[in-house]
Amino acid sequence: MLEKRNSLAGTEAERLGRLAQKHLIEIPEFQSARTVGLYYPLGSEVRTDSIAQVAREQGKKVSLPRTEGSMIRFYEYSGGDELVQGRFGVMEPAPASPAGPVDLIVIPGVVFDAEGCRIGYGKGFYDRFLAGRQAPFSVGLAYSFQIVERLPMGRFDRKLGALATDEGITYF
């Protein structure tokens, strides 16, 4: 799946990614959120720039995760703040302004299934964050070809509330 995502042409990735972001922005959980937790895209992950722009236009706080030990913690991100490369190559905010409660978290992944399960890069950061009930609602963001029928679910895995793709929104 990662190979397929990596081979997606840049213009097609941009087009499909914008559609996925548009669908996410339209859900009521985004509309009512005061603080949105996004991710800084790594490699061929769906971008989050449209979501961040609309969130700011609507007066929402935008935050990005930072790895701290075996956990992630969200910090406010204005869009112009300097980011630093984290230990896994992901760009992260400086630990200056903790975001406080995150109302909606947008989660990347390599593959997703029709029941709200996902596989990321295997470190469990987002599952631990969700297990701590630190965000009332979670939404995966992906290309529609990243969906498979069923994934194995480990005892530490956490299901998403919804998945936004270029084809629309699926609630779980």
N, C-alpha and C. Protein backbone atom coordinates (compact mmCIF):
# COMPACT_ATOMS: atom_id res chain seq x y z
N MET A 1 0.82 -1.20 0.00
CA MET A 1 0.00 0.00 0.00
C MET A 1 0.87 1.26 0.00
N LEU A 2 1.92 1.23 0.80
CA LEU A 2 2.81 2.37 0.86
C LEU A 2 3.46 2.62 -0.49
N GLU A 3 3.82 1.54 -1.18
CA GLU A 3 4.41 1.66 -2.51
C GLU A 3 3.44 2.32 -3.48
N LYS A 4 2.17 1.93 -3.40
CA LYS A 4 1.15 2.52 -4.29
C LYS A 4 0.97 4.01 -3.98
N ARG A 5 0.93 4.34 -2.69
CA ARG A 5 0.77 5.74 -2.31
C ARG A 5 1.98 6.56 -2.76
N ASN A 6 3.17 5.99 -2.60
CA ASN A 6 4.39 6.68 -3.00
C ASN A 6 4.48 6.89 -4.51
N SER A 7 3.82 6.04 -5.29
CA SER A 7 3.91 6.14 -6.75
C SER A 7 2.84 7.04 -7.36
N LEU A 8 1.96 7.57 -6.53
CA LEU A 8 0.91 8.46 -7.02
C LEU A 8 1.53 9.74 -7.58
N ALA A 9 1.16 10.10 -8.79
CA ALA A 9 1.69 11.31 -9.43
C ALA A 9 1.35 12.54 -8.59
N GLY A 10 2.24 13.51 -8.56
CA GLY A 10 2.08 14.70 -7.73
C GLY A 10 0.78 15.44 -7.96
N THR A 11 0.40 15.66 -9.21
CA THR A 11 -0.84 16.40 -9.48
C THR A 11 -2.07 15.60 -9.06
N GLU A 12 -2.03 14.29 -9.23
CA GLU A 12 -3.15 13.45 -8.82
C GLU A 12 -3.23 13.38 -7.29
N ALA A 13 -2.09 13.29 -6.63
CA ALA A 13 -2.06 13.29 -5.17
C ALA A 13 -2.65 14.60 -4.65
N GLU A 14 -2.29 15.69 -5.26
CA GLU A 14 -2.81 17.00 -4.87
C GLU A 14 -4.32 17.06 -5.06
N ARG A 15 -4.81 16.62 -6.20
CA ARG A 15 -6.25 16.65 -6.50
C ARG A 15 -7.04 15.78 -5.51
N LEU A 16 -6.61 14.54 -5.33
CA LEU A 16 -7.30 13.63 -4.44
C LEU A 16 -7.20 14.08 -2.98
N GLY A 17 -6.04 14.59 -2.61
CA GLY A 17 -5.85 15.08 -1.25
C GLY A 17 -6.74 16.26 -0.93
N ARG A 18 -6.90 17.18 -1.88
CA ARG A 18 -7.78 18.34 -1.68
C ARG A 18 -9.23 17.88 -1.48
N LEU A 19 -9.64 16.86 -2.25
CA LEU A 19 -10.99 16.32 -2.09
C LEU A 19 -11.18 15.72 -0.69
N ALA A 20 -10.21 14.95 -0.25
CA ALA A 20 -10.29 14.34 1.09
C ALA A 20 -10.37 15.42 2.17
N GLN A 21 -9.55 16.45 2.04
CA GLN A 21 -9.58 17.54 3.01
C GLN A 21 -10.92 18.27 2.99
N LYS A 22 -11.46 18.47 1.79
CA LYS A 22 -12.76 19.14 1.65
C LYS A 22 -13.84 18.36 2.38
N HIS A 23 -13.85 17.04 2.21
CA HIS A 23 -14.85 16.22 2.89
C HIS A 23 -14.70 16.30 4.40
N LEU A 24 -13.49 16.33 4.89
CA LEU A 24 -13.26 16.41 6.33
C LEU A 24 -13.76 17.75 6.89
N ILE A 25 -13.47 18.81 6.18
CA ILE A 25 -13.86 20.16 6.62
C ILE A 25 -15.38 20.30 6.74
N GLU A 26 -16.11 19.52 5.97
CA GLU A 26 -17.57 19.63 5.94
C GLU A 26 -18.27 18.89 7.09
N ILE A 27 -17.58 18.04 7.83
CA ILE A 27 -18.27 17.26 8.86
C ILE A 27 -18.60 18.13 10.08
N PRO A 28 -19.70 17.83 10.76
CA PRO A 28 -20.09 18.64 11.92
C PRO A 28 -19.04 18.64 13.04
N GLU A 29 -18.32 17.56 13.20
CA GLU A 29 -17.30 17.49 14.25
C GLU A 29 -16.18 18.49 14.01
N PHE A 30 -15.85 18.73 12.75
CA PHE A 30 -14.86 19.77 12.43
C PHE A 30 -15.47 21.14 12.68
N GLN A 31 -16.69 21.33 12.23
CA GLN A 31 -17.33 22.64 12.36
C GLN A 31 -17.45 23.07 13.82
N SER A 32 -17.70 22.12 14.72
CA SER A 32 -17.88 22.48 16.13
C SER A 32 -16.57 22.47 16.94
N ALA A 33 -15.50 21.98 16.36
CA ALA A 33 -14.22 21.90 17.08
C ALA A 33 -13.64 23.30 17.31
N ARG A 34 -13.07 23.48 18.48
CA ARG A 34 -12.36 24.74 18.78
C ARG A 34 -10.86 24.58 18.54
N THR A 35 -10.35 23.37 18.82
CA THR A 35 -8.94 23.07 18.59
C THR A 35 -8.85 21.81 17.76
N VAL A 36 -8.13 21.89 16.65
CA VAL A 36 -7.97 20.77 15.73
C VAL A 36 -6.52 20.29 15.79
N GLY A 37 -6.35 19.01 16.02
CA GLY A 37 -5.03 18.40 16.01
C GLY A 37 -4.76 17.80 14.65
N LEU A 38 -3.80 18.36 13.94
CA LEU A 38 -3.44 17.87 12.61
C LEU A 38 -2.12 17.11 12.71
N TYR A 39 -1.65 16.59 11.59
CA TYR A 39 -0.32 16.00 11.50
C TYR A 39 0.43 16.74 10.41
N TYR A 40 1.73 16.78 10.51
CA TYR A 40 2.56 17.33 9.45
C TYR A 40 2.87 16.17 8.52
N PRO A 41 2.42 16.24 7.25
CA PRO A 41 2.56 15.07 6.37
C PRO A 41 4.00 14.64 6.12
N LEU A 42 4.17 13.35 6.18
CA LEU A 42 5.47 12.73 5.94
C LEU A 42 5.40 12.01 4.60
N GLY A 43 6.32 12.33 3.70
CA GLY A 43 6.36 11.65 2.41
C GLY A 43 5.08 11.85 1.62
N SER A 44 4.43 10.75 1.27
CA SER A 44 3.26 10.79 0.39
C SER A 44 1.93 10.82 1.15
N GLU A 45 1.95 11.12 2.45
CA GLU A 45 0.70 11.22 3.20
C GLU A 45 -0.14 12.37 2.65
N VAL A 46 -1.46 12.25 2.81
CA VAL A 46 -2.36 13.33 2.39
C VAL A 46 -1.99 14.59 3.16
N ARG A 47 -1.86 15.67 2.43
CA ARG A 47 -1.53 16.96 3.04
C ARG A 47 -2.68 17.44 3.93
N THR A 48 -2.38 18.37 4.82
CA THR A 48 -3.40 18.91 5.74
C THR A 48 -3.50 20.43 5.65
N ASP A 49 -2.87 21.04 4.65
CA ASP A 49 -2.81 22.50 4.57
C ASP A 49 -4.17 23.16 4.38
N SER A 50 -5.06 22.56 3.61
CA SER A 50 -6.40 23.15 3.42
C SER A 50 -7.19 23.11 4.73
N ILE A 51 -7.06 22.03 5.46
CA ILE A 51 -7.75 21.91 6.75
C ILE A 51 -7.25 23.00 7.70
N ALA A 52 -5.93 23.16 7.76
CA ALA A 52 -5.35 24.18 8.64
C ALA A 52 -5.82 25.58 8.25
N GLN A 53 -5.84 25.86 6.95
CA GLN A 53 -6.25 27.19 6.49
C GLN A 53 -7.70 27.48 6.87
N VAL A 54 -8.59 26.53 6.60
CA VAL A 54 -10.01 26.73 6.93
C VAL A 54 -10.20 26.84 8.44
N ALA A 55 -9.50 26.02 9.19
CA ALA A 55 -9.60 26.07 10.65
C ALA A 55 -9.25 27.47 11.16
N ARG A 56 -8.15 28.01 10.67
CA ARG A 56 -7.73 29.34 11.11
C ARG A 56 -8.73 30.40 10.68
N GLU A 57 -9.25 30.29 9.45
CA GLU A 57 -10.25 31.24 8.96
C GLU A 57 -11.50 31.22 9.84
N GLN A 58 -11.81 30.07 10.42
CA GLN A 58 -12.98 29.92 11.28
C GLN A 58 -12.66 30.21 12.75
N GLY A 59 -11.45 30.67 13.03
CA GLY A 59 -11.07 31.03 14.39
C GLY A 59 -10.69 29.87 15.28
N LYS A 60 -10.41 28.74 14.70
CA LYS A 60 -10.02 27.56 15.48
C LYS A 60 -8.52 27.59 15.74
N LYS A 61 -8.10 26.93 16.81
CA LYS A 61 -6.68 26.72 17.05
C LYS A 61 -6.25 25.49 16.26
N VAL A 62 -5.07 25.56 15.68
CA VAL A 62 -4.48 24.43 14.95
C VAL A 62 -3.28 23.97 15.76
N SER A 63 -3.17 22.67 15.92
CA SER A 63 -2.04 22.13 16.67
C SER A 63 -1.42 20.96 15.93
N LEU A 64 -0.14 20.72 16.23
CA LEU A 64 0.61 19.61 15.65
C LEU A 64 1.21 18.78 16.77
N PRO A 65 1.41 17.47 16.52
CA PRO A 65 1.99 16.62 17.56
C PRO A 65 3.50 16.72 17.63
N ARG A 66 3.98 16.46 18.82
CA ARG A 66 5.41 16.37 19.08
C ARG A 66 5.62 15.09 19.89
N THR A 67 6.58 14.27 19.48
CA THR A 67 6.84 13.05 20.25
C THR A 67 7.63 13.41 21.50
N GLU A 68 7.14 12.89 22.62
CA GLU A 68 7.79 13.10 23.90
C GLU A 68 7.82 11.75 24.60
N GLY A 69 8.95 11.10 24.56
CA GLY A 69 9.05 9.75 25.09
C GLY A 69 8.25 8.80 24.21
N SER A 70 7.32 8.08 24.80
CA SER A 70 6.50 7.15 24.03
C SER A 70 5.12 7.72 23.71
N MET A 71 4.95 9.02 23.95
CA MET A 71 3.66 9.68 23.74
C MET A 71 3.79 10.82 22.74
N ILE A 72 2.63 11.30 22.27
CA ILE A 72 2.61 12.54 21.51
C ILE A 72 1.82 13.56 22.32
N ARG A 73 2.24 14.80 22.19
CA ARG A 73 1.56 15.91 22.84
C ARG A 73 1.39 16.99 21.79
N PHE A 74 0.23 17.64 21.79
CA PHE A 74 -0.06 18.63 20.76
C PHE A 74 0.29 20.04 21.24
N TYR A 75 0.89 20.80 20.30
CA TYR A 75 1.28 22.19 20.55
C TYR A 75 0.66 23.07 19.47
N GLU A 76 0.28 24.26 19.87
CA GLU A 76 -0.30 25.20 18.91
C GLU A 76 0.69 25.46 17.78
N TYR A 77 0.12 25.63 16.58
CA TYR A 77 0.93 25.90 15.39
C TYR A 77 0.22 26.96 14.56
N SER A 78 0.85 28.11 14.42
CA SER A 78 0.23 29.23 13.70
C SER A 78 0.42 29.15 12.19
N GLY A 79 1.25 28.27 11.72
CA GLY A 79 1.52 28.18 10.29
C GLY A 79 2.85 28.83 9.93
N GLY A 80 3.25 29.80 10.69
CA GLY A 80 4.53 30.45 10.44
C GLY A 80 5.59 30.07 11.46
N ASP A 81 5.18 29.30 12.45
CA ASP A 81 6.13 28.88 13.48
C ASP A 81 7.19 27.96 12.88
N GLU A 82 8.37 28.04 13.44
CA GLU A 82 9.45 27.16 12.99
C GLU A 82 9.19 25.74 13.48
N LEU A 83 9.41 24.80 12.59
CA LEU A 83 9.29 23.39 12.93
C LEU A 83 10.68 22.77 12.95
N VAL A 84 10.83 21.73 13.76
CA VAL A 84 12.10 21.02 13.82
C VAL A 84 11.86 19.56 13.47
N GLN A 85 12.88 18.93 12.91
CA GLN A 85 12.74 17.53 12.55
C GLN A 85 12.81 16.67 13.81
N GLY A 86 11.75 15.89 14.03
CA GLY A 86 11.68 15.00 15.18
C GLY A 86 12.48 13.74 14.96
N ARG A 87 12.45 12.87 15.95
CA ARG A 87 13.30 11.69 15.90
C ARG A 87 12.92 10.68 14.83
N PHE A 88 11.72 10.78 14.26
CA PHE A 88 11.32 9.87 13.19
C PHE A 88 11.28 10.56 11.83
N GLY A 89 11.85 11.76 11.75
CA GLY A 89 11.89 12.50 10.50
C GLY A 89 10.67 13.36 10.26
N VAL A 90 9.71 13.36 11.19
CA VAL A 90 8.50 14.16 11.06
C VAL A 90 8.78 15.55 11.61
N MET A 91 8.30 16.56 10.91
CA MET A 91 8.47 17.93 11.37
C MET A 91 7.53 18.17 12.55
N GLU A 92 8.08 18.77 13.63
CA GLU A 92 7.34 18.97 14.86
C GLU A 92 7.48 20.40 15.35
N PRO A 93 6.48 20.88 16.09
CA PRO A 93 6.59 22.22 16.67
C PRO A 93 7.51 22.21 17.88
N ALA A 94 8.04 23.36 18.20
CA ALA A 94 8.82 23.50 19.44
C ALA A 94 7.84 23.39 20.61
N PRO A 95 8.30 22.93 21.75
CA PRO A 95 7.39 22.76 22.89
C PRO A 95 7.10 24.08 23.61
N ALA A 96 6.59 25.04 22.88
CA ALA A 96 6.39 26.38 23.44
C ALA A 96 4.98 26.60 23.98
N SER A 97 3.95 26.26 23.19
CA SER A 97 2.57 26.55 23.58
C SER A 97 1.72 25.29 23.52
N PRO A 98 1.57 24.58 24.64
CA PRO A 98 0.70 23.39 24.63
C PRO A 98 -0.70 23.76 24.15
N ALA A 99 -1.28 22.90 23.35
CA ALA A 99 -2.57 23.20 22.73
C ALA A 99 -3.73 23.12 23.70
N GLY A 100 -3.57 22.44 24.81
CA GLY A 100 -4.71 22.22 25.68
C GLY A 100 -5.58 21.13 25.06
N PRO A 101 -6.86 21.07 25.43
CA PRO A 101 -7.72 20.00 24.90
C PRO A 101 -7.88 20.10 23.38
N VAL A 102 -7.74 18.97 22.72
CA VAL A 102 -7.94 18.87 21.28
C VAL A 102 -9.33 18.30 21.07
N ASP A 103 -10.17 18.99 20.30
CA ASP A 103 -11.54 18.55 20.08
C ASP A 103 -11.66 17.52 18.96
N LEU A 104 -10.82 17.66 17.97
CA LEU A 104 -10.83 16.75 16.83
C LEU A 104 -9.39 16.49 16.42
N ILE A 105 -9.05 15.23 16.25
CA ILE A 105 -7.70 14.87 15.83
C ILE A 105 -7.76 14.20 14.47
N VAL A 106 -6.91 14.65 13.56
CA VAL A 106 -6.80 14.08 12.21
C VAL A 106 -5.58 13.18 12.21
N ILE A 107 -5.79 11.93 11.78
CA ILE A 107 -4.75 10.90 11.93
C ILE A 107 -4.35 10.32 10.58
N PRO A 108 -3.03 10.24 10.32
CA PRO A 108 -2.57 9.62 9.09
C PRO A 108 -2.50 8.10 9.25
N GLY A 109 -2.18 7.43 8.17
CA GLY A 109 -1.99 5.98 8.24
C GLY A 109 -1.53 5.45 6.90
N VAL A 110 -1.08 4.23 6.92
CA VAL A 110 -0.64 3.56 5.68
C VAL A 110 -1.83 2.86 5.03
N VAL A 111 -2.64 2.21 5.87
CA VAL A 111 -3.81 1.48 5.37
C VAL A 111 -4.91 1.56 6.42
N PHE A 112 -6.16 1.58 5.94
CA PHE A 112 -7.35 1.69 6.79
C PHE A 112 -8.32 0.60 6.37
N ASP A 113 -9.26 0.26 7.27
CA ASP A 113 -10.26 -0.71 6.85
C ASP A 113 -11.66 -0.14 6.99
N ALA A 114 -12.65 -0.92 6.58
CA ALA A 114 -14.04 -0.49 6.53
C ALA A 114 -14.69 -0.45 7.91
N GLU A 115 -13.93 -0.76 8.97
CA GLU A 115 -14.49 -0.76 10.32
C GLU A 115 -13.81 0.25 11.24
N GLY A 116 -12.94 1.08 10.70
CA GLY A 116 -12.31 2.12 11.50
C GLY A 116 -10.94 1.78 12.05
N CYS A 117 -10.38 0.65 11.64
CA CYS A 117 -9.03 0.30 12.07
C CYS A 117 -8.02 0.90 11.10
N ARG A 118 -6.80 1.07 11.57
CA ARG A 118 -5.74 1.62 10.72
C ARG A 118 -4.41 0.99 11.10
N ILE A 119 -3.51 1.04 10.17
CA ILE A 119 -2.12 0.69 10.43
C ILE A 119 -1.29 1.90 10.03
N GLY A 120 -0.48 2.34 10.96
CA GLY A 120 0.42 3.46 10.69
C GLY A 120 1.82 2.92 10.46
N TYR A 121 2.77 3.52 11.15
CA TYR A 121 4.16 3.10 11.00
C TYR A 121 4.62 2.20 12.13
N GLY A 122 3.68 1.74 12.98
CA GLY A 122 3.98 0.71 13.96
C GLY A 122 4.51 1.14 15.31
N LYS A 123 4.51 2.41 15.60
CA LYS A 123 5.03 2.86 16.89
C LYS A 123 3.94 3.06 17.94
N GLY A 124 2.67 3.15 17.52
CA GLY A 124 1.55 3.23 18.45
C GLY A 124 1.28 4.59 19.08
N PHE A 125 1.90 5.64 18.59
CA PHE A 125 1.72 6.96 19.20
C PHE A 125 0.26 7.42 19.20
N TYR A 126 -0.40 7.31 18.04
CA TYR A 126 -1.78 7.76 17.96
C TYR A 126 -2.71 6.85 18.77
N ASP A 127 -2.46 5.55 18.79
CA ASP A 127 -3.28 4.65 19.60
C ASP A 127 -3.17 4.99 21.08
N ARG A 128 -1.98 5.29 21.55
CA ARG A 128 -1.82 5.68 22.95
C ARG A 128 -2.53 7.00 23.25
N PHE A 129 -2.45 7.94 22.30
CA PHE A 129 -3.13 9.22 22.47
C PHE A 129 -4.65 8.98 22.56
N LEU A 130 -5.19 8.18 21.67
CA LEU A 130 -6.63 7.90 21.67
C LEU A 130 -7.04 7.11 22.91
N ALA A 131 -6.20 6.21 23.35
CA ALA A 131 -6.51 5.41 24.54
C ALA A 131 -6.65 6.29 25.77
N GLY A 132 -5.92 7.40 25.79
CA GLY A 132 -6.01 8.34 26.90
C GLY A 132 -7.21 9.26 26.81
N ARG A 133 -8.05 9.03 25.81
CA ARG A 133 -9.26 9.84 25.59
C ARG A 133 -8.96 11.34 25.60
N GLN A 134 -7.90 11.69 24.90
CA GLN A 134 -7.46 13.08 24.88
C GLN A 134 -8.06 13.89 23.74
N ALA A 135 -8.91 13.25 22.93
CA ALA A 135 -9.63 13.96 21.87
C ALA A 135 -10.99 13.30 21.73
N PRO A 136 -12.06 14.09 21.77
CA PRO A 136 -13.39 13.51 21.66
C PRO A 136 -13.68 12.81 20.33
N PHE A 137 -13.01 13.25 19.24
CA PHE A 137 -13.32 12.66 17.94
C PHE A 137 -12.05 12.53 17.10
N SER A 138 -11.91 11.39 16.45
CA SER A 138 -10.74 11.13 15.59
C SER A 138 -11.19 10.83 14.17
N VAL A 139 -10.44 11.38 13.22
CA VAL A 139 -10.74 11.18 11.80
C VAL A 139 -9.45 10.80 11.08
N GLY A 140 -9.49 9.68 10.37
CA GLY A 140 -8.37 9.33 9.51
C GLY A 140 -8.46 10.14 8.23
N LEU A 141 -7.33 10.39 7.61
CA LEU A 141 -7.28 11.13 6.35
C LEU A 141 -6.44 10.33 5.37
N ALA A 142 -7.05 9.93 4.24
CA ALA A 142 -6.36 9.02 3.33
C ALA A 142 -6.90 9.13 1.91
N TYR A 143 -6.20 8.48 1.00
CA TYR A 143 -6.71 8.29 -0.35
C TYR A 143 -7.61 7.06 -0.32
N SER A 144 -8.65 7.04 -1.16
CA SER A 144 -9.60 5.92 -1.13
C SER A 144 -8.95 4.57 -1.42
N PHE A 145 -7.87 4.56 -2.18
CA PHE A 145 -7.22 3.27 -2.47
C PHE A 145 -6.48 2.69 -1.27
N GLN A 146 -6.40 3.44 -0.19
CA GLN A 146 -5.74 2.95 1.03
C GLN A 146 -6.68 2.13 1.91
N ILE A 147 -7.92 1.95 1.48
CA ILE A 147 -8.90 1.20 2.27
C ILE A 147 -8.94 -0.25 1.82
N VAL A 148 -8.88 -1.14 2.80
CA VAL A 148 -9.04 -2.57 2.57
C VAL A 148 -10.26 -3.04 3.36
N GLU A 149 -10.70 -4.25 3.10
CA GLU A 149 -11.91 -4.75 3.77
C GLU A 149 -11.74 -4.88 5.28
N ARG A 150 -10.66 -5.54 5.69
CA ARG A 150 -10.49 -5.78 7.12
C ARG A 150 -9.01 -5.88 7.48
N LEU A 151 -8.67 -5.27 8.61
CA LEU A 151 -7.32 -5.33 9.15
C LEU A 151 -7.34 -6.06 10.49
N PRO A 152 -6.25 -6.69 10.85
CA PRO A 152 -6.19 -7.26 12.20
C PRO A 152 -6.16 -6.12 13.22
N MET A 153 -6.79 -6.35 14.36
CA MET A 153 -6.81 -5.33 15.39
C MET A 153 -6.19 -5.90 16.66
N GLY A 154 -5.09 -5.28 17.07
CA GLY A 154 -4.41 -5.70 18.29
C GLY A 154 -5.09 -5.11 19.51
N ARG A 155 -4.72 -5.60 20.68
CA ARG A 155 -5.40 -5.15 21.90
C ARG A 155 -5.12 -3.68 22.24
N PHE A 156 -4.06 -3.10 21.69
CA PHE A 156 -3.76 -1.70 21.96
C PHE A 156 -4.24 -0.77 20.85
N ASP A 157 -4.74 -1.34 19.74
CA ASP A 157 -5.23 -0.53 18.63
C ASP A 157 -6.55 0.15 19.00
N ARG A 158 -6.75 1.35 18.48
CA ARG A 158 -7.97 2.10 18.72
C ARG A 158 -8.63 2.44 17.39
N LYS A 159 -9.94 2.28 17.34
CA LYS A 159 -10.69 2.60 16.13
C LYS A 159 -10.88 4.10 15.99
N LEU A 160 -11.01 4.52 14.75
CA LEU A 160 -11.27 5.92 14.42
C LEU A 160 -12.77 6.19 14.52
N GLY A 161 -13.13 7.45 14.66
CA GLY A 161 -14.53 7.84 14.62
C GLY A 161 -15.05 7.94 13.20
N ALA A 162 -14.14 8.29 12.27
CA ALA A 162 -14.51 8.46 10.87
C ALA A 162 -13.25 8.40 10.01
N LEU A 163 -13.46 8.28 8.71
CA LEU A 163 -12.37 8.31 7.74
C LEU A 163 -12.78 9.22 6.59
N ALA A 164 -11.93 10.19 6.28
CA ALA A 164 -12.15 11.10 5.15
C ALA A 164 -11.23 10.70 4.01
N THR A 165 -11.81 10.48 2.85
CA THR A 165 -11.02 10.19 1.65
C THR A 165 -11.52 11.06 0.51
N ASP A 166 -10.91 10.90 -0.63
CA ASP A 166 -11.33 11.64 -1.82
C ASP A 166 -12.74 11.26 -2.25
N GLU A 167 -13.26 10.14 -1.77
CA GLU A 167 -14.61 9.71 -2.14
C GLU A 167 -15.67 10.11 -1.11
N GLY A 168 -15.26 10.65 0.02
CA GLY A 168 -16.25 11.09 1.00
C GLY A 168 -15.85 10.74 2.42
N ILE A 169 -16.85 10.73 3.30
CA ILE A 169 -16.66 10.44 4.74
C ILE A 169 -17.36 9.13 5.06
N THR A 170 -16.69 8.32 5.87
CA THR A 170 -17.29 7.11 6.42
C THR A 170 -17.21 7.22 7.92
N TYR A 171 -18.35 7.07 8.58
CA TYR A 171 -18.38 7.05 10.05
C TYR A 171 -18.35 5.61 10.53
N PHE A 172 -17.73 5.39 11.69
CA PHE A 172 -17.65 4.05 12.26
C PHE A 172 -18.37 3.99 13.60
